[in-house]
C-alpha atoms as a PDB file:
ATOM      1  CA  MET A   1       0.000   0.000   0.000  1.00  0.00           C
ATOM      2  CA  SER A   2       1.305   3.435  -0.948  1.00  0.00           C
ATOM      3  CA  PHE A   3       2.530   5.790   1.760  1.00  0.00           C
ATOM      4  CA  TRP A   4       0.003   8.481   0.683  1.00  0.00           C
ATOM      5  CA  GLN A   5      -2.973   6.067   0.498  1.00  0.00           C
ATOM      6  CA  PRO A   6      -4.233   6.699   4.097  1.00  0.00           C
ATOM      7  CA  TYR A   7      -3.918  10.465   3.683  1.00  0.00           C
ATOM      8  CA  LEU A   8      -5.535  10.622   0.250  1.00  0.00           C
ATOM      9  CA  VAL A   9      -8.995  10.961   1.762  1.00  0.00           C
ATOM     10  CA  TYR A  10      -7.846  14.277   3.281  1.00  0.00           C
ATOM     11  CA  ILE A  11      -5.438  15.500   0.609  1.00  0.00           C
ATOM     12  CA  LEU A  12      -7.904  15.260  -2.298  1.00  0.00           C
ATOM     13  CA  PRO A  13     -10.646  17.442  -0.673  1.00  0.00           C
ATOM     14  CA  ILE A  14      -8.041  20.050   0.282  1.00  0.00           C
ATOM     15  CA  PHE A  15      -6.686  20.087  -3.271  1.00  0.00           C
ATOM     16  CA  VAL A  16     -10.185  20.472  -4.768  1.00  0.00           C
ATOM     17  CA  PHE A  17     -11.090  23.170  -2.243  1.00  0.00           C
ATOM     18  CA  PHE A  18      -8.057  25.350  -2.963  1.00  0.00           C
ATOM     19  CA  SER A  19      -8.372  24.822  -6.710  1.00  0.00           C
ATOM     20  CA  VAL A  20     -11.979  26.024  -6.721  1.00  0.00           C
ATOM     21  CA  LEU A  21     -11.020  28.861  -4.357  1.00  0.00           C
ATOM     22  CA  SER A  22      -8.221  30.077  -6.639  1.00  0.00           C
ATOM     23  CA  VAL A  23     -10.367  30.009  -9.762  1.00  0.00           C
ATOM     24  CA  SER A  24     -13.197  31.812  -7.948  1.00  0.00           C
ATOM     25  CA  PHE A  25     -10.926  34.639  -6.770  1.00  0.00           C
ATOM     26  CA  ILE A  26      -9.595  35.124 -10.294  1.00  0.00           C
ATOM     27  CA  LEU A  27     -13.177  35.328 -11.608  1.00  0.00           C
ATOM     28  CA  ARG A  28     -14.054  37.743  -8.778  1.00  0.00           C
ATOM     29  CA  LEU A  29     -11.206  40.067  -9.761  1.00  0.00           C
ATOM     30  CA  PHE A  30     -12.287  40.022 -13.405  1.00  0.00           C
ATOM     31  CA  LEU A  31     -15.965  40.543 -12.468  1.00  0.00           C
ATOM     32  CA  TYR A  32     -15.300  43.566 -10.253  1.00  0.00           C
ATOM     33  CA  ARG A  33     -13.221  45.242 -12.922  1.00  0.00           C
ATOM     34  CA  LYS A  34     -16.123  44.954 -15.330  1.00  0.00           C
ATOM     35  CA  LEU A  35     -18.702  46.075 -12.763  1.00  0.00           C
ATOM     36  CA  GLU A  36     -16.675  49.122 -11.652  1.00  0.00           C
ATOM     37  CA  ARG A  37     -16.181  50.169 -15.270  1.00  0.00           C
ATOM     38  CA  TRP A  38     -19.910  49.815 -15.886  1.00  0.00           C
ATOM     39  CA  SER A  39     -20.981  51.652 -12.695  1.00  0.00           C
ATOM     40  CA  SER A  40     -18.690  54.610 -13.425  1.00  0.00           C
ATOM     41  CA  GLY A  41     -20.845  55.400 -16.460  1.00  0.00           C
ATOM     42  CA  THR A  42     -24.179  55.408 -14.602  1.00  0.00           C
ATOM     43  CA  LYS A  43     -25.763  58.376 -12.835  1.00  0.00           C
ATOM     44  CA  THR A  44     -27.299  56.549  -9.886  1.00  0.00           C
ATOM     45  CA  PRO A  45     -25.121  55.906  -6.787  1.00  0.00           C
ATOM     46  CA  TRP A  46     -26.959  52.705  -5.875  1.00  0.00           C
ATOM     47  CA  ASP A  47     -24.904  50.449  -8.128  1.00  0.00           C
ATOM     48  CA  ASN A  48     -21.654  51.748  -6.603  1.00  0.00           C
ATOM     49  CA  ILE A  49     -23.000  51.158  -3.100  1.00  0.00           C
ATOM     50  CA  VAL A  50     -24.092  47.609  -3.905  1.00  0.00           C
ATOM     51  CA  ILE A  51     -20.772  46.773  -5.580  1.00  0.00           C
ATOM     52  CA  GLN A  52     -18.700  48.110  -2.688  1.00  0.00           C
ATOM     53  CA  ALA A  53     -20.944  46.497  -0.071  1.00  0.00           C
ATOM     54  CA  SER A  54     -20.718  43.087  -1.728  1.00  0.00           C
ATOM     55  CA  ARG A  55     -16.908  42.813  -1.653  1.00  0.00           C
ATOM     56  CA  THR A  56     -16.544  41.113   1.737  1.00  0.00           C
ATOM     57  CA  PRO A  57     -19.763  39.058   1.464  1.00  0.00           C
ATOM     58  CA  LEU A  58     -18.632  37.785  -1.949  1.00  0.00           C
ATOM     59  CA  VAL A  59     -15.407  36.481  -0.404  1.00  0.00           C
ATOM     60  CA  ILE A  60     -17.517  34.566   2.111  1.00  0.00           C
ATOM     61  CA  LEU A  61     -19.746  33.247  -0.678  1.00  0.00           C
ATOM     62  CA  ILE A  62     -16.657  32.064  -2.566  1.00  0.00           C
ATOM     63  CA  LEU A  63     -15.644  30.099   0.512  1.00  0.00           C
ATOM     64  CA  ILE A  64     -19.143  28.606   0.650  1.00  0.00           C
ATOM     65  CA  VAL A  65     -19.064  27.610  -3.037  1.00  0.00           C
ATOM     66  CA  SER A  66     -15.602  26.099  -2.638  1.00  0.00           C
ATOM     67  CA  VAL A  67     -16.751  23.992   0.313  1.00  0.00           C
ATOM     68  CA  TRP A  68     -19.946  22.941  -1.476  1.00  0.00           C
ATOM     69  CA  VAL A  69     -18.083  21.897  -4.657  1.00  0.00           C
ATOM     70  CA  THR A  70     -15.605  19.937  -2.555  1.00  0.00           C
ATOM     71  CA  LYS A  71     -18.464  18.095  -0.849  1.00  0.00           C
ATOM     72  CA  TYR A  72     -20.146  17.370  -4.172  1.00  0.00           C
ATOM     73  CA  PHE A  73     -17.151  15.946  -6.045  1.00  0.00           C
ATOM     74  CA  VAL A  74     -15.186  14.338  -3.230  1.00  0.00           C
ATOM     75  CA  SER A  75     -16.337  11.779  -0.714  1.00  0.00           C
ATOM     76  CA  ILE A  76     -15.900  13.281   2.748  1.00  0.00           C
ATOM     77  CA  PRO A  77     -16.164  11.422   6.055  1.00  0.00           C
ATOM     78  CA  GLU A  78     -19.613  11.764   7.642  1.00  0.00           C
ATOM     79  CA  ASN A  79     -18.446  13.574  10.783  1.00  0.00           C
ATOM     80  CA  ILE A  80     -16.565  16.180   8.727  1.00  0.00           C
ATOM     81  CA  ASP A  81     -19.486  16.515   6.279  1.00  0.00           C
ATOM     82  CA  HIS A  82     -21.885  17.330   9.118  1.00  0.00           C
ATOM     83  CA  THR A  83     -19.512  19.979  10.463  1.00  0.00           C
ATOM     84  CA  LEU A  84     -19.096  21.514   7.006  1.00  0.00           C
ATOM     85  CA  SER A  85     -22.876  21.789   6.600  1.00  0.00           C
ATOM     86  CA  ASP A  86     -23.100  23.785   9.827  1.00  0.00           C
ATOM     87  CA  VAL A  87     -20.207  25.966   8.715  1.00  0.00           C
ATOM     88  CA  ILE A  88     -21.894  26.669   5.364  1.00  0.00           C
ATOM     89  CA  ARG A  89     -25.138  27.777   7.067  1.00  0.00           C
ATOM     90  CA  LEU A  90     -23.184  30.030   9.397  1.00  0.00           C
ATOM     91  CA  LEU A  91     -21.208  31.578   6.534  1.00  0.00           C
ATOM     92  CA  VAL A  92     -24.399  32.319   4.581  1.00  0.00           C
ATOM     93  CA  ILE A  93     -25.811  34.194   7.567  1.00  0.00           C
ATOM     94  CA  LEU A  94     -22.535  36.076   8.086  1.00  0.00           C
ATOM     95  CA  ALA A  95     -22.410  37.069   4.414  1.00  0.00           C
ATOM     96  CA  ALA A  96     -25.929  38.533   4.628  1.00  0.00           C
ATOM     97  CA  LEU A  97     -25.149  40.412   7.846  1.00  0.00           C
ATOM     98  CA  PHE A  98     -21.876  41.820   6.513  1.00  0.00           C
ATOM     99  CA  PHE A  99     -23.626  42.963   3.354  1.00  0.00           C
ATOM    100  CA  MET A 100     -26.288  44.799   5.387  1.00  0.00           C
ATOM    101  CA  ASP A 101     -23.607  46.403   7.559  1.00  0.00           C
ATOM    102  CA  GLN A 102     -21.576  47.668   4.591  1.00  0.00           C
ATOM    103  CA  PHE A 103     -24.651  48.695   2.613  1.00  0.00           C
ATOM    104  CA  PHE A 104     -26.115  50.933   5.358  1.00  0.00           C
ATOM    105  CA  THR A 105     -22.719  52.400   6.232  1.00  0.00           C
ATOM    106  CA  LEU A 106     -21.952  53.301   2.611  1.00  0.00           C
ATOM    107  CA  TRP A 107     -25.467  54.649   2.101  1.00  0.00           C
ATOM    108  CA  VAL A 108     -25.073  57.030   5.059  1.00  0.00           C
ATOM    109  CA  GLU A 109     -21.666  58.219   3.804  1.00  0.00           C
ATOM    110  CA  GLN A 110     -22.992  58.681   0.272  1.00  0.00           C
ATOM    111  CA  HIS A 111     -25.977  60.818   1.309  1.00  0.00           C
ATOM    112  CA  ALA A 112     -24.431  62.623   4.294  1.00  0.00           C
ATOM    113  CA  SER A 113     -23.082  65.461   2.150  1.00  0.00           C
ATOM    114  CA  HIS A 114     -26.598  66.216   0.844  1.00  0.00           C
ATOM    115  CA  HIS A 115     -28.532  65.963   4.117  1.00  0.00           C
ATOM    116  CA  LYS A 116     -27.654  67.993   7.204  1.00  0.00           C
ATOM    117  CA  VAL A 117     -29.167  65.434   9.558  1.00  0.00           C
ATOM    118  CA  LEU A 118     -27.088  62.571   8.127  1.00  0.00           C
ATOM    119  CA  PHE A 119     -23.957  64.718   7.974  1.00  0.00           C
ATOM    120  CA  SER A 120     -24.187  65.598  11.646  1.00  0.00           C
ATOM    121  CA  SER A 121     -25.007  62.071  12.752  1.00  0.00           C
ATOM    122  CA  LYS A 122     -23.262  59.804  10.244  1.00  0.00           C
ATOM    123  CA  ARG A 123     -20.635  58.649  12.751  1.00  0.00           C
ATOM    124  CA  PHE A 124     -23.294  57.777  15.317  1.00  0.00           C
ATOM    125  CA  ILE A 125     -25.469  55.940  12.768  1.00  0.00           C
ATOM    126  CA  SER A 126     -22.494  53.978  11.407  1.00  0.00           C
ATOM    127  CA  THR A 127     -21.422  52.960  14.920  1.00  0.00           C
ATOM    128  CA  LEU A 128     -24.974  51.958  15.794  1.00  0.00           C
ATOM    129  CA  VAL A 129     -25.250  49.791  12.670  1.00  0.00           C
ATOM    130  CA  HIS A 130     -21.904  48.112  13.440  1.00  0.00           C
ATOM    131  CA  VAL A 131     -22.963  47.359  17.026  1.00  0.00           C
ATOM    132  CA  VAL A 132     -26.336  45.911  16.012  1.00  0.00           C
ATOM    133  CA  ILE A 133     -24.760  43.730  13.311  1.00  0.00           C
ATOM    134  CA  LEU A 134     -22.060  42.578  15.729  1.00  0.00           C
ATOM    135  CA  ILE A 135     -24.706  41.526  18.269  1.00  0.00           C
ATOM    136  CA  PHE A 136     -26.501  39.482  15.597  1.00  0.00           C
ATOM    137  CA  VAL A 137     -23.212  37.888  14.501  1.00  0.00           C
ATOM    138  CA  VAL A 138     -22.407  36.836  18.061  1.00  0.00           C
ATOM    139  CA  LEU A 139     -25.922  35.448  18.573  1.00  0.00           C
ATOM    140  CA  PHE A 140     -25.815  33.399  15.364  1.00  0.00           C
ATOM    141  CA  ILE A 141     -22.350  32.034  16.174  1.00  0.00           C
ATOM    142  CA  LEU A 142     -23.471  30.995  19.654  1.00  0.00           C
ATOM    143  CA  ASN A 143     -26.586  29.373  18.231  1.00  0.00           C
ATOM    144  CA  ALA A 144     -24.523  27.545  15.586  1.00  0.00           C
ATOM    145  CA  LEU A 145     -22.219  26.218  18.299  1.00  0.00           C
ATOM    146  CA  GLY A 146     -25.224  24.771  20.094  1.00  0.00           C
ATOM    147  CA  ILE A 147     -25.130  27.286  22.935  1.00  0.00           C
ATOM    148  CA  SER A 148     -28.568  28.431  24.078  1.00  0.00           C
ATOM    149  CA  ILE A 149     -28.981  32.159  23.545  1.00  0.00           C
ATOM    150  CA  THR A 150     -32.146  32.497  25.667  1.00  0.00           C
ATOM    151  CA  PRO A 151     -30.236  33.333  28.886  1.00  0.00           C
ATOM    152  CA  PHE A 152     -28.096  35.744  26.893  1.00  0.00           C
ATOM    153  CA  LEU A 153     -31.178  37.545  25.536  1.00  0.00           C
ATOM    154  CA  ALA A 154     -32.651  37.770  29.026  1.00  0.00           C
ATOM    155  CA  SER A 155     -29.389  39.192  30.361  1.00  0.00           C
ATOM    156  CA  LEU A 156     -29.243  41.587  27.438  1.00  0.00           C
ATOM    157  CA  GLY A 157     -32.714  42.902  28.289  1.00  0.00           C
ATOM    158  CA  ILE A 158     -31.912  43.380  31.969  1.00  0.00           C
ATOM    159  CA  GLY A 159     -28.532  44.896  31.109  1.00  0.00           C
ATOM    160  CA  SER A 160     -30.142  47.307  28.654  1.00  0.00           C
ATOM    161  CA  LEU A 161     -32.555  48.488  31.346  1.00  0.00           C
ATOM    162  CA  ALA A 162     -29.699  48.991  33.807  1.00  0.00           C
ATOM    163  CA  VAL A 163     -27.658  50.897  31.223  1.00  0.00           C
ATOM    164  CA  ALA A 164     -30.672  53.065  30.336  1.00  0.00           C
ATOM    165  CA  LEU A 165     -31.152  54.007  34.005  1.00  0.00           C
ATOM    166  CA  ALA A 166     -27.443  54.665  34.516  1.00  0.00           C
ATOM    167  CA  LEU A 167     -27.216  56.772  31.350  1.00  0.00           C
ATOM    168  CA  GLN A 168     -30.503  58.593  31.848  1.00  0.00           C
ATOM    169  CA  ASP A 169     -29.002  62.071  31.480  1.00  0.00           C
ATOM    170  CA  THR A 170     -26.920  61.033  28.481  1.00  0.00           C
ATOM    171  CA  LEU A 171     -29.932  59.452  26.760  1.00  0.00           C
ATOM    172  CA  LYS A 172     -31.963  62.580  27.468  1.00  0.00           C
ATOM    173  CA  ASN A 173     -29.328  64.620  25.663  1.00  0.00           C
ATOM    174  CA  VAL A 174     -29.255  62.102  22.799  1.00  0.00           C
ATOM    175  CA  PHE A 175     -33.023  62.287  22.252  1.00  0.00           C
ATOM    176  CA  ALA A 176     -32.862  66.077  22.479  1.00  0.00           C
ATOM    177  CA  GLY A 177     -30.123  65.948  19.838  1.00  0.00           C
ATOM    178  CA  VAL A 178     -32.404  63.866  17.615  1.00  0.00           C
ATOM    179  CA  TYR A 179     -35.093  66.537  18.007  1.00  0.00           C
ATOM    180  CA  LEU A 180     -32.669  69.340  17.109  1.00  0.00           C
ATOM    181  CA  LEU A 181     -31.413  67.456  14.055  1.00  0.00           C
ATOM    182  CA  MET A 182     -34.856  66.428  12.814  1.00  0.00           C
ATOM    183  CA  ASP A 183     -36.923  69.539  13.611  1.00  0.00           C
ATOM    184  CA  ARG A 184     -33.986  71.846  12.806  1.00  0.00           C
ATOM    185  CA  PRO A 185     -34.904  74.968  14.830  1.00  0.00           C
ATOM    186  CA  ILE A 186     -31.215  75.783  14.465  1.00  0.00           C
ATOM    187  CA  SER A 187     -28.601  74.756  11.917  1.00  0.00           C
ATOM    188  CA  LYS A 188     -24.837  74.915  11.663  1.00  0.00           C
ATOM    189  CA  GLY A 189     -23.715  78.504  11.042  1.00  0.00           C
ATOM    190  CA  ASP A 190     -26.874  80.129  12.473  1.00  0.00           C
ATOM    191  CA  LEU A 191     -26.526  83.114  14.773  1.00  0.00           C
ATOM    192  CA  ILE A 192     -28.648  82.500  17.869  1.00  0.00           C
ATOM    193  CA  SER A 193     -29.339  84.179  21.208  1.00  0.00           C
ATOM    194  CA  LEU A 194     -29.904  82.199  24.406  1.00  0.00           C
ATOM    195  CA  GLU A 195     -32.215  83.012  27.295  1.00  0.00           C
ATOM    196  CA  ASP A 196     -29.319  84.340  29.367  1.00  0.00           C
ATOM    197  CA  GLY A 197     -28.435  86.835  26.614  1.00  0.00           C
ATOM    198  CA  GLN A 198     -25.389  85.066  25.193  1.00  0.00           C
ATOM    199  CA  GLN A 199     -25.042  85.141  21.425  1.00  0.00           C
ATOM    200  CA  GLY A 200     -22.977  83.078  19.051  1.00  0.00           C
ATOM    201  CA  PHE A 201     -22.767  81.026  15.908  1.00  0.00           C
ATOM    202  CA  VAL A 202     -23.689  77.340  15.936  1.00  0.00           C
ATOM    203  CA  GLU A 203     -20.465  75.425  15.313  1.00  0.00           C
ATOM    204  CA  ALA A 204     -21.837  71.882  15.444  1.00  0.00           C
ATOM    205  CA  ILE A 205     -24.877  69.958  16.641  1.00  0.00           C
ATOM    206  CA  GLY A 206     -23.863  66.624  18.129  1.00  0.00           C
ATOM    207  CA  TRP A 207     -25.855  63.824  19.709  1.00  0.00           C
ATOM    208  CA  ARG A 208     -25.008  64.884  23.267  1.00  0.00           C
ATOM    209  CA  SER A 209     -24.198  68.593  23.048  1.00  0.00           C
ATOM    210  CA  THR A 210     -24.191  71.630  20.776  1.00  0.00           C
ATOM    211  CA  ARG A 211     -21.143  73.870  20.364  1.00  0.00           C
ATOM    212  CA  LEU A 212     -21.705  77.622  20.140  1.00  0.00           C
ATOM    213  CA  LYS A 213     -18.928  80.000  19.067  1.00  0.00           C
ATOM    214  CA  LEU A 214     -19.324  83.268  20.989  1.00  0.00           C
ATOM    215  CA  PHE A 215     -18.230  86.694  19.759  1.00  0.00           C
ATOM    216  CA  SER A 216     -15.341  86.433  22.215  1.00  0.00           C
ATOM    217  CA  GLU A 217     -14.096  83.453  20.129  1.00  0.00           C
ATOM    218  CA  ASP A 218     -14.778  81.123  23.066  1.00  0.00           C
ATOM    219  CA  ILE A 219     -16.675  77.887  22.500  1.00  0.00           C
ATOM    220  CA  LEU A 220     -19.763  77.369  24.650  1.00  0.00           C
ATOM    221  CA  ILE A 221     -20.783  73.704  24.975  1.00  0.00           C
ATOM    222  CA  ILE A 222     -24.487  73.305  25.771  1.00  0.00           C
ATOM    223  CA  PRO A 223     -26.155  69.964  26.641  1.00  0.00           C
ATOM    224  CA  ASN A 224     -28.843  69.268  24.063  1.00  0.00           C
ATOM    225  CA  SER A 225     -31.518  68.733  26.731  1.00  0.00           C
ATOM    226  CA  ASN A 226     -30.942  72.273  28.049  1.00  0.00           C
ATOM    227  CA  LEU A 227     -30.969  73.738  24.557  1.00  0.00           C
ATOM    228  CA  ALA A 228     -34.142  71.909  23.499  1.00  0.00           C
ATOM    229  CA  SER A 229     -36.071  73.042  26.577  1.00  0.00           C
ATOM    230  CA  SER A 230     -35.005  76.697  26.491  1.00  0.00           C
ATOM    231  CA  MET A 231     -36.170  79.664  24.443  1.00  0.00           C
ATOM    232  CA  ILE A 232     -33.825  80.419  21.537  1.00  0.00           C
ATOM    233  CA  THR A 233     -33.834  83.366  19.179  1.00  0.00           C
ATOM    234  CA  ASN A 234     -32.608  82.332  15.744  1.00  0.00           C
ATOM    235  CA  HIS A 235     -31.515  85.474  13.929  1.00  0.00           C
ATOM    236  CA  GLU A 236     -31.257  83.589  10.630  1.00  0.00           C
ATOM    237  CA  LEU A 237     -34.989  82.831  10.469  1.00  0.00           C
ATOM    238  CA  PRO A 238     -36.891  83.602   8.367  1.00  0.00           C
ATOM    239  CA  SER A 239     -33.781  85.197   6.825  1.00  0.00           C
ATOM    240  CA  GLU A 240     -30.432  86.538   8.001  1.00  0.00           C
ATOM    241  CA  VAL A 241     -31.521  90.129   7.245  1.00  0.00           C
ATOM    242  CA  SER A 242     -32.428  92.091  10.402  1.00  0.00           C
ATOM    243  CA  SER A 243     -33.259  95.625  11.496  1.00  0.00           C
ATOM    244  CA  LEU A 244     -31.531  97.823  14.055  1.00  0.00           C
ATOM    245  CA  LYS A 245     -33.289 100.325  16.330  1.00  0.00           C
ATOM    246  CA  ILE A 246     -31.361 103.330  17.661  1.00  0.00           C
ATOM    247  CA  THR A 247     -32.832 105.845  20.118  1.00  0.00           C
ATOM    248  CA  CYS A 248     -31.729 109.384  20.911  1.00  0.00           C
ATOM    249  CA  GLY A 249     -33.089 112.714  22.164  1.00  0.00           C
ATOM    250  CA  VAL A 250     -32.866 116.388  21.122  1.00  0.00           C
ATOM    251  CA  HIS A 251     -33.407 119.638  23.006  1.00  0.00           C
ATOM    252  CA  TYR A 252     -36.917 121.065  23.285  1.00  0.00           C
ATOM    253  CA  ASP A 253     -35.788 124.172  21.362  1.00  0.00           C
ATOM    254  CA  SER A 254     -34.860 122.043  18.331  1.00  0.00           C
ATOM    255  CA  ASP A 255     -36.717 122.238  15.019  1.00  0.00           C
ATOM    256  CA  LEU A 256     -38.227 118.738  14.939  1.00  0.00           C
ATOM    257  CA  GLU A 257     -38.840 118.836  11.184  1.00  0.00           C
ATOM    258  CA  LYS A 258     -35.163 119.600  10.665  1.00  0.00           C
ATOM    259  CA  VAL A 259     -34.163 116.857  13.108  1.00  0.00           C
ATOM    260  CA  GLU A 260     -36.215 114.302  11.178  1.00  0.00           C
ATOM    261  CA  LYS A 261     -34.737 115.431   7.861  1.00  0.00           C
ATOM    262  CA  VAL A 262     -31.139 115.286   9.118  1.00  0.00           C
ATOM    263  CA  VAL A 263     -31.532 111.882  10.776  1.00  0.00           C
ATOM    264  CA  LEU A 264     -33.133 110.325   7.661  1.00  0.00           C
ATOM    265  CA  GLU A 265     -30.424 111.787   5.416  1.00  0.00           C
ATOM    266  CA  GLU A 266     -27.715 110.196   7.549  1.00  0.00           C
ATOM    267  CA  ALA A 267     -29.677 106.957   7.810  1.00  0.00           C
ATOM    268  CA  ASN A 268     -30.112 106.659   4.038  1.00  0.00           C
ATOM    269  CA  SER A 269     -26.462 107.560   3.525  1.00  0.00           C
ATOM    270  CA  ILE A 270     -25.101 104.890   5.844  1.00  0.00           C
ATOM    271  CA  GLN A 271     -27.424 102.248   4.371  1.00  0.00           C
ATOM    272  CA  VAL A 272     -25.678 102.708   1.023  1.00  0.00           C
ATOM    273  CA  GLU A 273     -22.114 103.471   2.106  1.00  0.00           C
ATOM    274  CA  HIS A 274     -21.567 100.998   4.923  1.00  0.00           C
ATOM    275  CA  PRO A 275     -20.850  97.334   3.959  1.00  0.00           C
ATOM    276  CA  ALA A 276     -23.267  96.079   6.609  1.00  0.00           C
ATOM    277  CA  GLY A 277     -26.087  98.363   5.487  1.00  0.00           C
ATOM    278  CA  LEU A 278     -29.010  97.023   3.482  1.00  0.00           C
ATOM    279  CA  GLU A 279     -29.405  99.294   0.451  1.00  0.00           C
ATOM    280  CA  SER A 280     -32.961  98.197  -0.294  1.00  0.00           C
ATOM    281  CA  TYR A 281     -34.145  98.974   3.242  1.00  0.00           C
ATOM    282  CA  LYS A 282     -35.996 102.255   3.806  1.00  0.00           C
ATOM    283  CA  PRO A 283     -35.078 103.725   7.230  1.00  0.00           C
ATOM    284  CA  VAL A 284     -37.950 104.378   9.630  1.00  0.00           C
ATOM    285  CA  PHE A 285     -38.028 107.455  11.872  1.00  0.00           C
ATOM    286  CA  GLY A 286     -40.376 108.639  14.614  1.00  0.00           C
ATOM    287  CA  PHE A 287     -40.633 110.736  17.780  1.00  0.00           C
ATOM    288  CA  TYR A 288     -42.070 108.731  20.633  1.00  0.00           C
ATOM    289  CA  GLU A 289     -41.759 110.520  24.015  1.00  0.00           C
ATOM    290  CA  PHE A 290     -41.387 113.844  25.856  1.00  0.00           C
ATOM    291  CA  SER A 291     -38.784 113.072  28.488  1.00  0.00           C
ATOM    292  CA  GLU A 292     -37.543 115.261  31.318  1.00  0.00           C
ATOM    293  CA  LEU A 293     -34.706 116.750  29.268  1.00  0.00           C
ATOM    294  CA  SER A 294     -35.447 116.059  25.614  1.00  0.00           C
ATOM    295  CA  VAL A 295     -37.779 114.917  22.880  1.00  0.00           C
ATOM    296  CA  LEU A 296     -36.940 111.281  22.247  1.00  0.00           C
ATOM    297  CA  PHE A 297     -36.890 109.732  18.779  1.00  0.00           C
ATOM    298  CA  PHE A 298     -35.967 106.417  17.204  1.00  0.00           C
ATOM    299  CA  VAL A 299     -34.559 105.415  13.832  1.00  0.00           C
ATOM    300  CA  ARG A 300     -34.570 101.891  12.428  1.00  0.00           C
ATOM    301  CA  LEU A 301     -31.897 100.718   9.974  1.00  0.00           C
ATOM    302  CA  GLY A 302     -31.635  97.605   7.833  1.00  0.00           C
ATOM    303  CA  VAL A 303     -28.681  95.256   8.413  1.00  0.00           C
ATOM    304  CA  LYS A 304     -27.497  92.493   6.113  1.00  0.00           C
ATOM    305  CA  HIS A 305     -26.624  90.232   9.027  1.00  0.00           C
ATOM    306  CA  HIS A 306     -27.502  90.409  12.710  1.00  0.00           C
ATOM    307  CA  ALA A 307     -23.842  90.016  13.688  1.00  0.00           C
ATOM    308  CA  ASP A 308     -23.056  93.352  11.998  1.00  0.00           C
ATOM    309  CA  GLN A 309     -25.534  95.386  14.068  1.00  0.00           C
ATOM    310  CA  ALA A 310     -22.931  96.644  16.545  1.00  0.00           C
ATOM    311  CA  THR A 311     -20.624  97.852  13.767  1.00  0.00           C
ATOM    312  CA  LEU A 312     -23.383  99.677  11.904  1.00  0.00           C
ATOM    313  CA  LYS A 313     -24.778 101.202  15.100  1.00  0.00           C
ATOM    314  CA  SER A 314     -21.384 102.556  16.166  1.00  0.00           C
ATOM    315  CA  GLU A 315     -20.721 104.122  12.766  1.00  0.00           C
ATOM    316  CA  PHE A 316     -24.191 105.696  12.601  1.00  0.00           C
ATOM    317  CA  ILE A 317     -23.871 107.245  16.079  1.00  0.00           C
ATOM    318  CA  LYS A 318     -20.546 108.843  15.122  1.00  0.00           C
ATOM    319  CA  LYS A 319     -21.930 110.236  11.863  1.00  0.00           C
ATOM    320  CA  LEU A 320     -25.132 111.515  13.503  1.00  0.00           C
ATOM    321  CA  HIS A 321     -23.247 113.188  16.355  1.00  0.00           C
ATOM    322  CA  GLN A 322     -20.975 114.963  13.879  1.00  0.00           C
ATOM    323  CA  ARG A 323     -23.929 116.042  11.732  1.00  0.00           C
ATOM    324  CA  PHE A 324     -25.862 117.341  14.766  1.00  0.00           C
ATOM    325  CA  ALA A 325     -22.837 119.432  15.729  1.00  0.00           C
ATOM    326  CA  CYS A 326     -22.673 120.924  12.216  1.00  0.00           C
ATOM    327  CA  GLU A 327     -26.432 121.670  12.167  1.00  0.00           C
ATOM    328  CA  GLY A 328     -26.507 123.135  15.665  1.00  0.00           C
ATOM    329  CA  ILE A 329     -28.846 120.443  16.977  1.00  0.00           C
ATOM    330  CA  VAL A 330     -28.312 119.906  20.691  1.00  0.00           C
ATOM    331  CA  ILE A 331     -28.448 116.558  22.468  1.00  0.00           C
ATOM    332  CA  PRO A 332     -29.161 117.486  26.100  1.00  0.00           C
ATOM    333  CA  PHE A 333     -27.455 115.771  28.979  1.00  0.00           C
ATOM    334  CA  THR A 334     -27.601 116.070  32.741  1.00  0.00           C
ATOM    335  CA  GLY A 335     -24.855 117.997  34.471  1.00  0.00           C
ATOM    336  CA  ARG A 336     -23.485 118.034  37.969  1.00  0.00           C
ATOM    337  CA  THR A 337     -21.611 120.817  39.723  1.00  0.00           C
ATOM    338  CA  VAL A 338     -19.131 119.911  42.433  1.00  0.00           C
ATOM    339  CA  GLN A 339     -18.065 122.715  44.776  1.00  0.00           C
ATOM    340  CA  LEU A 340     -14.830 122.229  46.674  1.00  0.00           C
ATOM    341  CA  THR A 341     -14.144 124.269  49.799  1.00  0.00           C
ATOM    342  CA  LYS A 342     -10.708 124.878  51.136  1.00  0.00           C
ATOM    343  CA  SER A 343     -10.359 123.974  54.764  1.00  0.00           C
ATOM    344  CA  ASP A 344      -8.307 126.076  57.112  1.00  0.00           C
END
């Protein structure tokens, strides 16, 4: 009897398996070259997503086909054949789960640039998909090994409840983040004012907190639950254009018709000349009160962006003060006399 005769029953299946495996990988390489060339000429992104998502699952399917062909053409001992059947079923399930994992991850990445909600939460969604798929993989492997997963599922339920109670504040912020991302009362880049008077631009909306860049260049980190339950003024809605109200007073001896004319001239001038001014906006003027020292008036200007209000207001006050001085219009102010006596 030949030396190799006892080992032939094992050598032949291994040879057939690796032969089929090699041929399959060569065909896979050729197939993907053709598919990628074809998908590059289509307008829809779905074919690219499916092709990329099927790379790892196809490797698993090649392993399955190689094992199945080996079983079909070569006589395999019964105990090994039974084990291979279980392995094939497990690999089929793994291939399907890996395809779903890659498909959803690639879909989120593909559409994140076109949807603000997906862009802000793509990392969270991808991680969530990976975790869910991993749990299913572990459960199927345990079941395939003959280990009962019922106690594991019960423990998972109790553990989930314990985690939910322990992470109550975190989950509250997460759900508030979902609300902010879905309802979109604010968006990245919006200028907002908080209840406490702080103003800033929205830097990012995360799942746990929102980052606000203040005018001082500091970053204010606000828990989403606090932000969702507070009153917010969004200066970008319905548009970023805003108006600015400035109040002042003139002496009772002033010619009010002249005051109105001068103020409107300066208001119209700064609307056109200043970069922050809104040229299409018609300034509004009006007297509104007789105070103790003066007749009070207001003027409303149009501003291209709320953040530029302070700049426009400062420039207008300087120009109006200079013009009042030239026109002889007096802005009254209270005075105080301090008398100093020399002690002996």
